[in-house]
Amino acid sequence: MITILFYSAAIIALFCTIMVITRTHAVHALLYLIVAQLAVALIFFLLGAPFAAALEILVYAGAIMVMFVFVIMMLNLGRTTIERERLWLPNSVWLIPTVLCGTLLLELLFALENNTALTAHWVSPKEVGITLFGPYLLAVELASMLLLAGLVGAYHLARPYLEKPDRGENESPQGIALSAPDPIGTSSAENNQHPPQLSPSTTRRQ
């Protein structure tokens, strides 16, 4: 059962990663990336690393990806951006990534045939926390500030600046003064109460 879950999560992670690379809509790509990271978290849990799985869900899939989704929604990317990305990603762009992926696959097959494995030892979550917030405390704080600076910079760079001229309240774009609308019809009622007076010349003709 564990083997079936492991390979199912691996297939889902690979499929979602491919969808992240090939999607032109940024929100769709990020949603696929969140699913891929959840699948990776399941793989960590099945391999006996529940702390790494929890970090994958809370930090990557939970915090960073949701922040990216909010940033993209604030930027309000439209159809023009999607069409521009389609022009930037022709079929020739995928040649070098395909060669690199094939090289990594050959290295993986070579390692599996020779039964080579990395030597590892058990590390507790306490040791990870002490290492991160001990000698690497400055690096962790700088990384968090870098993420915040990227968020603010992306918002200010991509925000549309629409310069509108100052106009009066009752002035049209052509500079013509417009009267305020009369929603309750008071002007027509006043006209009915005060009928137009006839001039003397008009009465003489009658």
N, C-alpha and C. Protein backbone atom coordinates (compact mmCIF):
# COMPACT_ATOMS: atom_id res chain seq x y z
N MET A 1 0.83 -1.21 0.00
CA MET A 1 0.00 0.00 0.00
C MET A 1 0.87 1.27 0.00
N ILE A 2 1.94 1.23 0.82
CA ILE A 2 2.82 2.40 0.87
C ILE A 2 3.51 2.62 -0.47
N THR A 3 3.86 1.51 -1.13
CA THR A 3 4.51 1.63 -2.44
C THR A 3 3.58 2.26 -3.47
N ILE A 4 2.30 1.87 -3.42
CA ILE A 4 1.32 2.44 -4.36
C ILE A 4 1.15 3.93 -4.10
N LEU A 5 1.06 4.32 -2.82
CA LEU A 5 0.93 5.74 -2.49
C LEU A 5 2.18 6.52 -2.91
N PHE A 6 3.34 5.91 -2.74
CA PHE A 6 4.58 6.60 -3.10
C PHE A 6 4.64 6.88 -4.60
N TYR A 7 4.38 5.87 -5.41
CA TYR A 7 4.46 6.07 -6.86
C TYR A 7 3.31 6.95 -7.37
N SER A 8 2.16 6.88 -6.73
CA SER A 8 1.06 7.77 -7.12
C SER A 8 1.42 9.22 -6.84
N ALA A 9 1.98 9.49 -5.66
CA ALA A 9 2.40 10.86 -5.35
C ALA A 9 3.52 11.32 -6.27
N ALA A 10 4.43 10.41 -6.63
CA ALA A 10 5.52 10.78 -7.55
C ALA A 10 4.98 11.14 -8.93
N ILE A 11 4.01 10.35 -9.42
CA ILE A 11 3.43 10.64 -10.74
C ILE A 11 2.69 11.97 -10.72
N ILE A 12 1.94 12.23 -9.63
CA ILE A 12 1.22 13.50 -9.51
C ILE A 12 2.20 14.67 -9.47
N ALA A 13 3.29 14.51 -8.73
CA ALA A 13 4.28 15.58 -8.64
C ALA A 13 4.92 15.86 -9.99
N LEU A 14 5.26 14.81 -10.73
CA LEU A 14 5.86 15.00 -12.06
C LEU A 14 4.87 15.65 -13.03
N PHE A 15 3.62 15.19 -13.02
CA PHE A 15 2.62 15.75 -13.92
C PHE A 15 2.37 17.22 -13.62
N CYS A 16 2.22 17.56 -12.34
CA CYS A 16 1.96 18.95 -11.97
C CYS A 16 3.16 19.84 -12.27
N THR A 17 4.36 19.30 -12.12
CA THR A 17 5.55 20.09 -12.45
C THR A 17 5.62 20.39 -13.94
N ILE A 18 5.28 19.41 -14.77
CA ILE A 18 5.23 19.65 -16.21
C ILE A 18 4.16 20.68 -16.56
N MET A 19 3.02 20.61 -15.89
CA MET A 19 1.96 21.60 -16.13
C MET A 19 2.38 22.99 -15.69
N VAL A 20 3.17 23.09 -14.62
CA VAL A 20 3.68 24.40 -14.19
C VAL A 20 4.56 25.01 -15.27
N ILE A 21 5.39 24.20 -15.89
CA ILE A 21 6.32 24.71 -16.90
C ILE A 21 5.59 25.11 -18.18
N THR A 22 4.57 24.38 -18.55
CA THR A 22 3.92 24.58 -19.85
C THR A 22 2.74 25.54 -19.81
N ARG A 23 2.24 25.93 -18.64
CA ARG A 23 1.08 26.82 -18.58
C ARG A 23 1.51 28.26 -18.82
N THR A 24 0.68 28.99 -19.57
CA THR A 24 0.92 30.41 -19.80
C THR A 24 0.19 31.30 -18.81
N HIS A 25 -0.87 30.79 -18.22
CA HIS A 25 -1.60 31.56 -17.20
C HIS A 25 -0.89 31.38 -15.86
N ALA A 26 -0.51 32.49 -15.25
CA ALA A 26 0.32 32.42 -14.04
C ALA A 26 -0.41 31.81 -12.86
N VAL A 27 -1.69 32.12 -12.70
CA VAL A 27 -2.45 31.58 -11.57
C VAL A 27 -2.61 30.07 -11.71
N HIS A 28 -2.87 29.59 -12.92
CA HIS A 28 -2.99 28.15 -13.13
C HIS A 28 -1.66 27.45 -12.84
N ALA A 29 -0.55 28.06 -13.25
CA ALA A 29 0.76 27.46 -12.98
C ALA A 29 1.04 27.38 -11.49
N LEU A 30 0.67 28.41 -10.74
CA LEU A 30 0.90 28.38 -9.30
C LEU A 30 0.02 27.36 -8.61
N LEU A 31 -1.21 27.19 -9.07
CA LEU A 31 -2.07 26.17 -8.48
C LEU A 31 -1.52 24.77 -8.72
N TYR A 32 -1.01 24.53 -9.92
CA TYR A 32 -0.35 23.24 -10.18
C TYR A 32 0.89 23.07 -9.31
N LEU A 33 1.61 24.15 -9.07
CA LEU A 33 2.80 24.07 -8.22
C LEU A 33 2.44 23.74 -6.77
N ILE A 34 1.33 24.27 -6.30
CA ILE A 34 0.87 23.93 -4.94
C ILE A 34 0.55 22.45 -4.84
N VAL A 35 -0.14 21.91 -5.86
CA VAL A 35 -0.46 20.47 -5.85
C VAL A 35 0.82 19.64 -5.90
N ALA A 36 1.80 20.08 -6.69
CA ALA A 36 3.07 19.35 -6.76
C ALA A 36 3.78 19.34 -5.41
N GLN A 37 3.75 20.46 -4.71
CA GLN A 37 4.40 20.50 -3.40
C GLN A 37 3.66 19.67 -2.36
N LEU A 38 2.35 19.59 -2.46
CA LEU A 38 1.61 18.69 -1.58
C LEU A 38 1.97 17.24 -1.85
N ALA A 39 2.15 16.89 -3.12
CA ALA A 39 2.58 15.53 -3.45
C ALA A 39 3.98 15.24 -2.92
N VAL A 40 4.87 16.23 -3.00
CA VAL A 40 6.22 16.05 -2.45
C VAL A 40 6.17 15.90 -0.93
N ALA A 41 5.26 16.64 -0.28
CA ALA A 41 5.10 16.48 1.17
C ALA A 41 4.64 15.07 1.52
N LEU A 42 3.75 14.50 0.72
CA LEU A 42 3.33 13.12 0.96
C LEU A 42 4.50 12.15 0.77
N ILE A 43 5.36 12.41 -0.19
CA ILE A 43 6.54 11.56 -0.39
C ILE A 43 7.46 11.63 0.82
N PHE A 44 7.68 12.85 1.34
CA PHE A 44 8.50 12.98 2.54
C PHE A 44 7.91 12.21 3.72
N PHE A 45 6.59 12.28 3.86
CA PHE A 45 5.94 11.58 4.97
C PHE A 45 6.08 10.06 4.82
N LEU A 46 5.93 9.58 3.60
CA LEU A 46 6.06 8.13 3.38
C LEU A 46 7.49 7.65 3.57
N LEU A 47 8.46 8.53 3.36
CA LEU A 47 9.87 8.16 3.55
C LEU A 47 10.30 8.27 5.01
N GLY A 48 9.39 8.63 5.89
CA GLY A 48 9.73 8.70 7.31
C GLY A 48 10.26 10.04 7.76
N ALA A 49 9.87 11.13 7.07
CA ALA A 49 10.30 12.47 7.47
C ALA A 49 9.07 13.36 7.64
N PRO A 50 8.34 13.19 8.74
CA PRO A 50 7.12 13.99 8.92
C PRO A 50 7.39 15.47 9.12
N PHE A 51 8.55 15.81 9.71
CA PHE A 51 8.87 17.22 9.91
C PHE A 51 9.09 17.92 8.57
N ALA A 52 9.80 17.27 7.66
CA ALA A 52 10.00 17.85 6.33
C ALA A 52 8.68 17.98 5.58
N ALA A 53 7.79 17.00 5.76
CA ALA A 53 6.47 17.08 5.12
C ALA A 53 5.67 18.26 5.67
N ALA A 54 5.73 18.46 6.99
CA ALA A 54 5.01 19.59 7.59
C ALA A 54 5.57 20.93 7.12
N LEU A 55 6.90 21.03 7.02
CA LEU A 55 7.49 22.26 6.49
C LEU A 55 7.11 22.50 5.04
N GLU A 56 7.04 21.45 4.26
CA GLU A 56 6.65 21.58 2.84
C GLU A 56 5.24 22.12 2.72
N ILE A 57 4.35 21.70 3.61
CA ILE A 57 2.96 22.15 3.54
C ILE A 57 2.81 23.55 4.10
N LEU A 58 3.39 23.79 5.29
CA LEU A 58 3.18 25.07 5.96
C LEU A 58 3.94 26.21 5.30
N VAL A 59 5.20 25.97 4.95
CA VAL A 59 6.04 27.06 4.44
C VAL A 59 5.87 27.25 2.94
N TYR A 60 6.06 26.19 2.18
CA TYR A 60 6.06 26.32 0.72
C TYR A 60 4.65 26.37 0.15
N ALA A 61 3.88 25.28 0.34
CA ALA A 61 2.53 25.24 -0.22
C ALA A 61 1.58 26.18 0.49
N GLY A 62 1.82 26.45 1.77
CA GLY A 62 0.88 27.26 2.53
C GLY A 62 1.17 28.73 2.50
N ALA A 63 2.40 29.14 2.77
CA ALA A 63 2.71 30.55 2.93
C ALA A 63 3.23 31.19 1.65
N ILE A 64 4.30 30.63 1.10
CA ILE A 64 4.95 31.28 -0.04
C ILE A 64 4.08 31.24 -1.29
N MET A 65 3.47 30.09 -1.57
CA MET A 65 2.65 29.98 -2.78
C MET A 65 1.39 30.83 -2.70
N VAL A 66 0.77 30.89 -1.52
CA VAL A 66 -0.41 31.74 -1.36
C VAL A 66 -0.03 33.21 -1.54
N MET A 67 1.14 33.59 -1.04
CA MET A 67 1.62 34.96 -1.25
C MET A 67 1.82 35.25 -2.74
N PHE A 68 2.38 34.29 -3.48
CA PHE A 68 2.57 34.48 -4.91
C PHE A 68 1.22 34.61 -5.63
N VAL A 69 0.23 33.82 -5.22
CA VAL A 69 -1.09 33.91 -5.83
C VAL A 69 -1.70 35.29 -5.59
N PHE A 70 -1.57 35.82 -4.38
CA PHE A 70 -2.11 37.14 -4.08
C PHE A 70 -1.39 38.22 -4.87
N VAL A 71 -0.08 38.08 -5.04
CA VAL A 71 0.67 39.07 -5.82
C VAL A 71 0.22 39.08 -7.27
N ILE A 72 0.03 37.91 -7.85
CA ILE A 72 -0.40 37.83 -9.25
C ILE A 72 -1.81 38.38 -9.40
N MET A 73 -2.67 38.12 -8.43
CA MET A 73 -4.02 38.68 -8.50
C MET A 73 -4.00 40.20 -8.34
N MET A 74 -3.10 40.73 -7.52
CA MET A 74 -2.99 42.19 -7.39
C MET A 74 -2.46 42.82 -8.67
N LEU A 75 -1.54 42.13 -9.34
CA LEU A 75 -0.99 42.67 -10.58
C LEU A 75 -2.01 42.69 -11.70
N ASN A 76 -3.04 41.84 -11.61
CA ASN A 76 -4.14 41.82 -12.58
C ASN A 76 -3.61 41.61 -14.00
N LEU A 77 -2.94 40.49 -14.20
CA LEU A 77 -2.40 40.15 -15.52
C LEU A 77 -3.53 39.76 -16.46
N GLY A 78 -3.57 40.36 -17.62
CA GLY A 78 -4.67 40.13 -18.55
C GLY A 78 -4.28 39.23 -19.71
N ARG A 79 -5.12 39.30 -20.75
CA ARG A 79 -4.89 38.46 -21.93
C ARG A 79 -3.63 38.84 -22.68
N THR A 80 -3.26 40.12 -22.63
CA THR A 80 -2.06 40.54 -23.36
C THR A 80 -0.81 39.87 -22.80
N THR A 81 -0.77 39.69 -21.47
CA THR A 81 0.38 39.02 -20.86
C THR A 81 0.46 37.56 -21.28
N ILE A 82 -0.70 36.90 -21.36
CA ILE A 82 -0.72 35.50 -21.76
C ILE A 82 -0.25 35.35 -23.20
N GLU A 83 -0.72 36.24 -24.09
CA GLU A 83 -0.29 36.18 -25.48
C GLU A 83 1.21 36.48 -25.61
N ARG A 84 1.71 37.39 -24.78
CA ARG A 84 3.14 37.71 -24.82
C ARG A 84 3.97 36.51 -24.38
N GLU A 85 3.51 35.78 -23.36
CA GLU A 85 4.24 34.60 -22.91
C GLU A 85 4.21 33.50 -23.96
N ARG A 86 3.13 33.40 -24.70
CA ARG A 86 3.10 32.41 -25.79
C ARG A 86 4.10 32.76 -26.88
N LEU A 87 4.31 34.04 -27.12
CA LEU A 87 5.32 34.43 -28.09
C LEU A 87 6.73 34.21 -27.56
N TRP A 88 6.91 34.34 -26.25
CA TRP A 88 8.23 34.14 -25.65
C TRP A 88 8.60 32.66 -25.53
N LEU A 89 7.65 31.76 -25.61
CA LEU A 89 7.91 30.34 -25.40
C LEU A 89 7.62 29.54 -26.67
N PRO A 90 8.42 29.70 -27.71
CA PRO A 90 8.25 28.85 -28.90
C PRO A 90 8.76 27.45 -28.63
N ASN A 91 8.62 26.59 -29.63
CA ASN A 91 9.05 25.19 -29.45
C ASN A 91 10.56 25.05 -29.29
N SER A 92 11.32 25.98 -29.85
CA SER A 92 12.78 25.88 -29.74
C SER A 92 13.29 26.14 -28.33
N VAL A 93 12.48 26.80 -27.50
CA VAL A 93 12.91 27.09 -26.13
C VAL A 93 13.05 25.82 -25.31
N TRP A 94 12.25 24.80 -25.64
CA TRP A 94 12.23 23.58 -24.83
C TRP A 94 13.37 22.62 -25.18
N LEU A 95 14.24 22.98 -26.11
CA LEU A 95 15.31 22.06 -26.52
C LEU A 95 16.33 21.85 -25.40
N ILE A 96 16.87 22.93 -24.86
CA ILE A 96 17.90 22.81 -23.82
C ILE A 96 17.34 22.19 -22.54
N PRO A 97 16.15 22.60 -22.03
CA PRO A 97 15.61 21.90 -20.86
C PRO A 97 15.38 20.42 -21.08
N THR A 98 14.99 20.03 -22.30
CA THR A 98 14.79 18.60 -22.57
C THR A 98 16.11 17.84 -22.51
N VAL A 99 17.17 18.45 -23.04
CA VAL A 99 18.49 17.80 -22.99
C VAL A 99 18.96 17.66 -21.54
N LEU A 100 18.76 18.69 -20.74
CA LEU A 100 19.18 18.63 -19.34
C LEU A 100 18.38 17.59 -18.56
N CYS A 101 17.08 17.52 -18.81
CA CYS A 101 16.27 16.50 -18.13
C CYS A 101 16.69 15.09 -18.55
N GLY A 102 17.01 14.91 -19.82
CA GLY A 102 17.49 13.61 -20.27
C GLY A 102 18.82 13.23 -19.62
N THR A 103 19.70 14.22 -19.44
CA THR A 103 20.98 13.95 -18.77
C THR A 103 20.77 13.53 -17.32
N LEU A 104 19.88 14.23 -16.62
CA LEU A 104 19.59 13.86 -15.24
C LEU A 104 18.95 12.48 -15.15
N LEU A 105 18.11 12.15 -16.11
CA LEU A 105 17.49 10.82 -16.11
C LEU A 105 18.53 9.73 -16.33
N LEU A 106 19.48 9.97 -17.22
CA LEU A 106 20.54 8.99 -17.43
C LEU A 106 21.40 8.81 -16.18
N GLU A 107 21.69 9.92 -15.49
CA GLU A 107 22.45 9.81 -14.25
C GLU A 107 21.68 9.03 -13.19
N LEU A 108 20.38 9.23 -13.12
CA LEU A 108 19.57 8.49 -12.16
C LEU A 108 19.56 7.00 -12.47
N LEU A 109 19.41 6.66 -13.75
CA LEU A 109 19.44 5.24 -14.13
C LEU A 109 20.81 4.61 -13.85
N PHE A 110 21.86 5.37 -14.09
CA PHE A 110 23.21 4.85 -13.80
C PHE A 110 23.39 4.61 -12.30
N ALA A 111 22.87 5.52 -11.48
CA ALA A 111 22.98 5.34 -10.03
C ALA A 111 22.17 4.16 -9.55
N LEU A 112 20.99 3.93 -10.16
CA LEU A 112 20.18 2.79 -9.75
C LEU A 112 20.82 1.47 -10.15
N GLU A 113 21.47 1.43 -11.30
CA GLU A 113 22.12 0.19 -11.73
C GLU A 113 23.32 -0.17 -10.86
N ASN A 114 24.06 0.85 -10.40
CA ASN A 114 25.25 0.59 -9.58
C ASN A 114 24.94 0.52 -8.09
N ASN A 115 23.66 0.72 -7.73
CA ASN A 115 23.23 0.66 -6.32
C ASN A 115 24.03 1.63 -5.44
N THR A 116 24.23 2.82 -5.98
CA THR A 116 24.95 3.85 -5.21
C THR A 116 23.94 4.68 -4.43
N ALA A 117 24.25 4.94 -3.20
CA ALA A 117 23.36 5.73 -2.34
C ALA A 117 24.20 6.64 -1.46
N LEU A 118 23.63 7.78 -1.12
CA LEU A 118 24.33 8.72 -0.25
C LEU A 118 24.25 8.26 1.20
N THR A 119 25.32 8.47 1.91
CA THR A 119 25.31 8.15 3.34
C THR A 119 24.60 9.27 4.09
N ALA A 120 23.65 8.90 4.91
CA ALA A 120 22.87 9.88 5.65
C ALA A 120 22.74 9.44 7.09
N HIS A 121 22.47 10.40 7.97
CA HIS A 121 22.25 10.11 9.37
C HIS A 121 21.01 10.85 9.84
N TRP A 122 20.43 10.38 10.90
CA TRP A 122 19.18 10.94 11.41
C TRP A 122 19.42 12.32 12.01
N VAL A 123 18.57 13.26 11.61
CA VAL A 123 18.63 14.63 12.13
C VAL A 123 17.26 14.95 12.70
N SER A 124 17.21 15.35 13.94
CA SER A 124 15.95 15.67 14.60
C SER A 124 15.51 17.09 14.25
N PRO A 125 14.21 17.39 14.36
CA PRO A 125 13.75 18.76 14.11
C PRO A 125 14.40 19.79 15.03
N LYS A 126 14.74 19.39 16.24
CA LYS A 126 15.41 20.32 17.15
C LYS A 126 16.76 20.76 16.60
N GLU A 127 17.51 19.82 16.04
CA GLU A 127 18.81 20.17 15.46
C GLU A 127 18.66 21.08 14.25
N VAL A 128 17.61 20.85 13.47
CA VAL A 128 17.37 21.72 12.31
C VAL A 128 17.07 23.14 12.77
N GLY A 129 16.21 23.28 13.79
CA GLY A 129 15.88 24.61 14.30
C GLY A 129 17.08 25.31 14.91
N ILE A 130 17.90 24.57 15.67
CA ILE A 130 19.09 25.17 16.27
C ILE A 130 20.06 25.63 15.18
N THR A 131 20.18 24.85 14.10
CA THR A 131 21.10 25.23 13.02
C THR A 131 20.60 26.46 12.26
N LEU A 132 19.27 26.50 12.00
CA LEU A 132 18.73 27.62 11.24
C LEU A 132 18.79 28.92 12.04
N PHE A 133 18.38 28.88 13.28
CA PHE A 133 18.31 30.09 14.09
C PHE A 133 19.52 30.25 15.00
N GLY A 134 20.59 29.53 14.71
CA GLY A 134 21.85 29.70 15.42
C GLY A 134 22.87 30.39 14.55
N PRO A 135 23.76 29.64 13.91
CA PRO A 135 24.77 30.29 13.05
C PRO A 135 24.20 30.86 11.76
N TYR A 136 23.02 30.38 11.32
CA TYR A 136 22.44 30.86 10.06
C TYR A 136 21.25 31.80 10.29
N LEU A 137 21.19 32.43 11.46
CA LEU A 137 20.07 33.32 11.76
C LEU A 137 20.05 34.52 10.81
N LEU A 138 21.20 35.10 10.53
CA LEU A 138 21.26 36.26 9.64
C LEU A 138 20.82 35.89 8.23
N ALA A 139 21.21 34.71 7.76
CA ALA A 139 20.80 34.28 6.42
C ALA A 139 19.29 34.07 6.33
N VAL A 140 18.69 33.52 7.38
CA VAL A 140 17.24 33.31 7.39
C VAL A 140 16.51 34.65 7.37
N GLU A 141 16.98 35.62 8.16
CA GLU A 141 16.34 36.94 8.18
C GLU A 141 16.51 37.66 6.85
N LEU A 142 17.68 37.54 6.25
CA LEU A 142 17.90 38.17 4.94
C LEU A 142 17.02 37.54 3.86
N ALA A 143 16.82 36.23 3.94
CA ALA A 143 15.94 35.57 2.97
C ALA A 143 14.50 36.05 3.12
N SER A 144 14.03 36.22 4.35
CA SER A 144 12.67 36.73 4.56
C SER A 144 12.54 38.16 4.06
N MET A 145 13.55 39.00 4.31
CA MET A 145 13.51 40.37 3.80
C MET A 145 13.57 40.41 2.28
N LEU A 146 14.30 39.47 1.68
CA LEU A 146 14.38 39.41 0.22
C LEU A 146 13.03 39.06 -0.38
N LEU A 147 12.31 38.13 0.24
CA LEU A 147 10.97 37.79 -0.24
C LEU A 147 10.03 38.98 -0.13
N LEU A 148 10.10 39.71 0.98
CA LEU A 148 9.26 40.88 1.15
C LEU A 148 9.61 41.97 0.15
N ALA A 149 10.91 42.18 -0.10
CA ALA A 149 11.32 43.18 -1.08
C ALA A 149 10.86 42.79 -2.49
N GLY A 150 10.92 41.50 -2.82
CA GLY A 150 10.42 41.05 -4.11
C GLY A 150 8.93 41.27 -4.27
N LEU A 151 8.18 41.06 -3.19
CA LEU A 151 6.74 41.29 -3.23
C LEU A 151 6.42 42.75 -3.47
N VAL A 152 7.05 43.64 -2.70
CA VAL A 152 6.79 45.07 -2.84
C VAL A 152 7.28 45.58 -4.19
N GLY A 153 8.46 45.14 -4.62
CA GLY A 153 8.98 45.58 -5.91
C GLY A 153 8.14 45.14 -7.08
N ALA A 154 7.65 43.90 -7.05
CA ALA A 154 6.80 43.42 -8.14
C ALA A 154 5.50 44.20 -8.20
N TYR A 155 4.95 44.55 -7.04
CA TYR A 155 3.70 45.31 -7.04
C TYR A 155 3.89 46.70 -7.62
N HIS A 156 4.97 47.39 -7.24
CA HIS A 156 5.18 48.75 -7.71
C HIS A 156 5.62 48.80 -9.17
N LEU A 157 6.34 47.78 -9.64
CA LEU A 157 6.78 47.79 -11.03
C LEU A 157 5.65 47.47 -11.99
N ALA A 158 4.75 46.59 -11.60
CA ALA A 158 3.70 46.16 -12.51
C ALA A 158 2.39 46.89 -12.31
N ARG A 159 2.30 47.79 -11.35
CA ARG A 159 1.06 48.52 -11.14
C ARG A 159 0.86 49.52 -12.26
N PRO A 160 -0.31 49.53 -12.88
CA PRO A 160 -0.54 50.48 -13.98
C PRO A 160 -0.71 51.90 -13.45
N TYR A 161 0.06 52.79 -14.00
CA TYR A 161 -0.04 54.19 -13.63
C TYR A 161 -0.88 54.91 -14.68
N LEU A 162 -2.09 55.26 -14.32
CA LEU A 162 -3.00 55.94 -15.23
C LEU A 162 -3.06 57.41 -14.83
N GLU A 163 -2.49 58.25 -15.66
CA GLU A 163 -2.50 59.68 -15.38
C GLU A 163 -3.76 60.29 -15.97
N LYS A 164 -4.66 60.72 -15.10
CA LYS A 164 -5.91 61.32 -15.53
C LYS A 164 -5.86 62.82 -15.23
N PRO A 165 -6.24 63.66 -16.18
CA PRO A 165 -6.24 65.11 -15.91
C PRO A 165 -7.33 65.47 -14.92
N ASP A 166 -7.06 66.56 -14.17
CA ASP A 166 -8.04 67.02 -13.19
C ASP A 166 -9.17 67.72 -13.92
N ARG A 167 -10.39 67.29 -13.67
CA ARG A 167 -11.57 67.89 -14.28
C ARG A 167 -12.53 68.30 -13.20
N GLY A 168 -13.41 69.21 -13.52
CA GLY A 168 -14.44 69.61 -12.58
C GLY A 168 -15.49 68.53 -12.42
N GLU A 169 -16.37 68.76 -11.46
CA GLU A 169 -17.39 67.75 -11.20
C GLU A 169 -18.37 67.64 -12.35
N ASN A 170 -18.75 68.78 -12.95
CA ASN A 170 -19.77 68.80 -13.99
C ASN A 170 -19.16 69.14 -15.35
N GLU A 171 -18.00 68.61 -15.62
CA GLU A 171 -17.33 68.89 -16.88
C GLU A 171 -17.09 67.59 -17.62
N SER A 172 -17.44 67.55 -18.86
CA SER A 172 -17.26 66.36 -19.69
C SER A 172 -15.83 66.28 -20.17
N PRO A 173 -15.42 65.15 -20.78
CA PRO A 173 -14.05 65.06 -21.31
C PRO A 173 -13.74 66.09 -22.37
N GLN A 174 -14.76 66.61 -23.09
CA GLN A 174 -14.52 67.62 -24.13
C GLN A 174 -14.50 69.03 -23.56
N GLY A 175 -14.68 69.18 -22.20
CA GLY A 175 -14.67 70.50 -21.61
C GLY A 175 -16.01 71.17 -21.58
N ILE A 176 -17.12 70.48 -21.84
CA ILE A 176 -18.45 71.05 -21.84
C ILE A 176 -19.05 70.86 -20.46
N ALA A 177 -19.60 71.91 -19.90
CA ALA A 177 -20.22 71.81 -18.58
C ALA A 177 -21.52 71.04 -18.68
N LEU A 178 -21.69 70.10 -17.81
CA LEU A 178 -22.87 69.25 -17.78
C LEU A 178 -23.67 69.54 -16.53
N SER A 179 -24.97 69.57 -16.67
CA SER A 179 -25.83 69.77 -15.51
C SER A 179 -26.03 68.46 -14.80
N ALA A 180 -26.25 68.56 -13.50
CA ALA A 180 -26.46 67.36 -12.71
C ALA A 180 -27.78 66.72 -13.07
N PRO A 181 -27.89 65.41 -13.01
CA PRO A 181 -29.15 64.74 -13.33
C PRO A 181 -30.24 65.07 -12.33
N ASP A 182 -31.47 65.01 -12.79
CA ASP A 182 -32.63 65.31 -11.96
C ASP A 182 -33.40 64.03 -11.74
N PRO A 183 -33.04 63.25 -10.69
CA PRO A 183 -33.65 61.93 -10.55
C PRO A 183 -35.10 61.95 -10.16
N ILE A 184 -35.56 63.01 -9.46
CA ILE A 184 -36.95 63.00 -8.98
C ILE A 184 -37.86 63.89 -9.80
N GLY A 185 -37.33 64.52 -10.82
CA GLY A 185 -38.17 65.31 -11.72
C GLY A 185 -38.65 66.61 -11.13
N THR A 186 -37.86 67.28 -10.29
CA THR A 186 -38.29 68.54 -9.68
C THR A 186 -38.38 69.67 -10.69
N SER A 187 -37.47 69.64 -11.67
CA SER A 187 -37.48 70.73 -12.65
C SER A 187 -38.73 70.69 -13.51
N SER A 188 -39.16 69.47 -13.89
CA SER A 188 -40.38 69.38 -14.69
C SER A 188 -41.61 69.77 -13.88
N ALA A 189 -41.59 69.47 -12.58
CA ALA A 189 -42.73 69.86 -11.75
C ALA A 189 -42.80 71.37 -11.60
N GLU A 190 -41.64 72.03 -11.44
CA GLU A 190 -41.64 73.48 -11.35
C GLU A 190 -42.12 74.12 -12.65
N ASN A 191 -41.78 73.53 -13.79
CA ASN A 191 -42.24 74.07 -15.07
C ASN A 191 -43.74 73.96 -15.20
N ASN A 192 -44.32 72.87 -14.66
CA ASN A 192 -45.76 72.72 -14.72
C ASN A 192 -46.47 73.71 -13.81
N GLN A 193 -45.85 74.02 -12.64
CA GLN A 193 -46.47 74.98 -11.73
C GLN A 193 -46.39 76.40 -12.27
N HIS A 194 -45.37 76.74 -13.01
CA HIS A 194 -45.19 78.08 -13.56
C HIS A 194 -45.21 77.99 -15.07
N PRO A 195 -46.36 78.09 -15.69
CA PRO A 195 -46.42 78.00 -17.15
C PRO A 195 -45.76 79.21 -17.78
N PRO A 196 -45.31 79.10 -18.99
CA PRO A 196 -44.65 80.22 -19.66
C PRO A 196 -45.63 81.36 -19.90
N GLN A 197 -45.17 82.59 -19.61
CA GLN A 197 -46.00 83.77 -19.83
C GLN A 197 -45.90 84.23 -21.27
N LEU A 198 -47.04 84.67 -21.77
CA LEU A 198 -47.08 85.13 -23.16
C LEU A 198 -46.67 86.58 -23.23
N SER A 199 -45.98 86.92 -24.27
CA SER A 199 -45.55 88.31 -24.47
C SER A 199 -46.71 89.13 -25.00
N PRO A 200 -46.64 90.47 -24.89
CA PRO A 200 -47.74 91.32 -25.41
C PRO A 200 -47.98 91.14 -26.89
N SER A 201 -46.93 90.93 -27.66
CA SER A 201 -47.12 90.76 -29.10
C SER A 201 -47.92 89.51 -29.40
N THR A 202 -47.72 88.50 -28.60
CA THR A 202 -48.45 87.25 -28.83
C THR A 202 -49.92 87.42 -28.52
N THR A 203 -50.24 88.20 -27.43
CA THR A 203 -51.65 88.42 -27.08
C THR A 203 -52.36 89.27 -28.12
N ARG A 204 -51.67 90.24 -28.72
CA ARG A 204 -52.30 91.06 -29.75
C ARG A 204 -52.64 90.23 -30.97
N ARG A 205 -51.75 89.29 -31.33
CA ARG A 205 -52.05 88.45 -32.48
C ARG A 205 -53.25 87.57 -32.21
N GLN A 206 -53.38 87.09 -30.94
CA GLN A 206 -54.53 86.26 -30.65
C GLN A 206 -55.81 87.10 -30.69
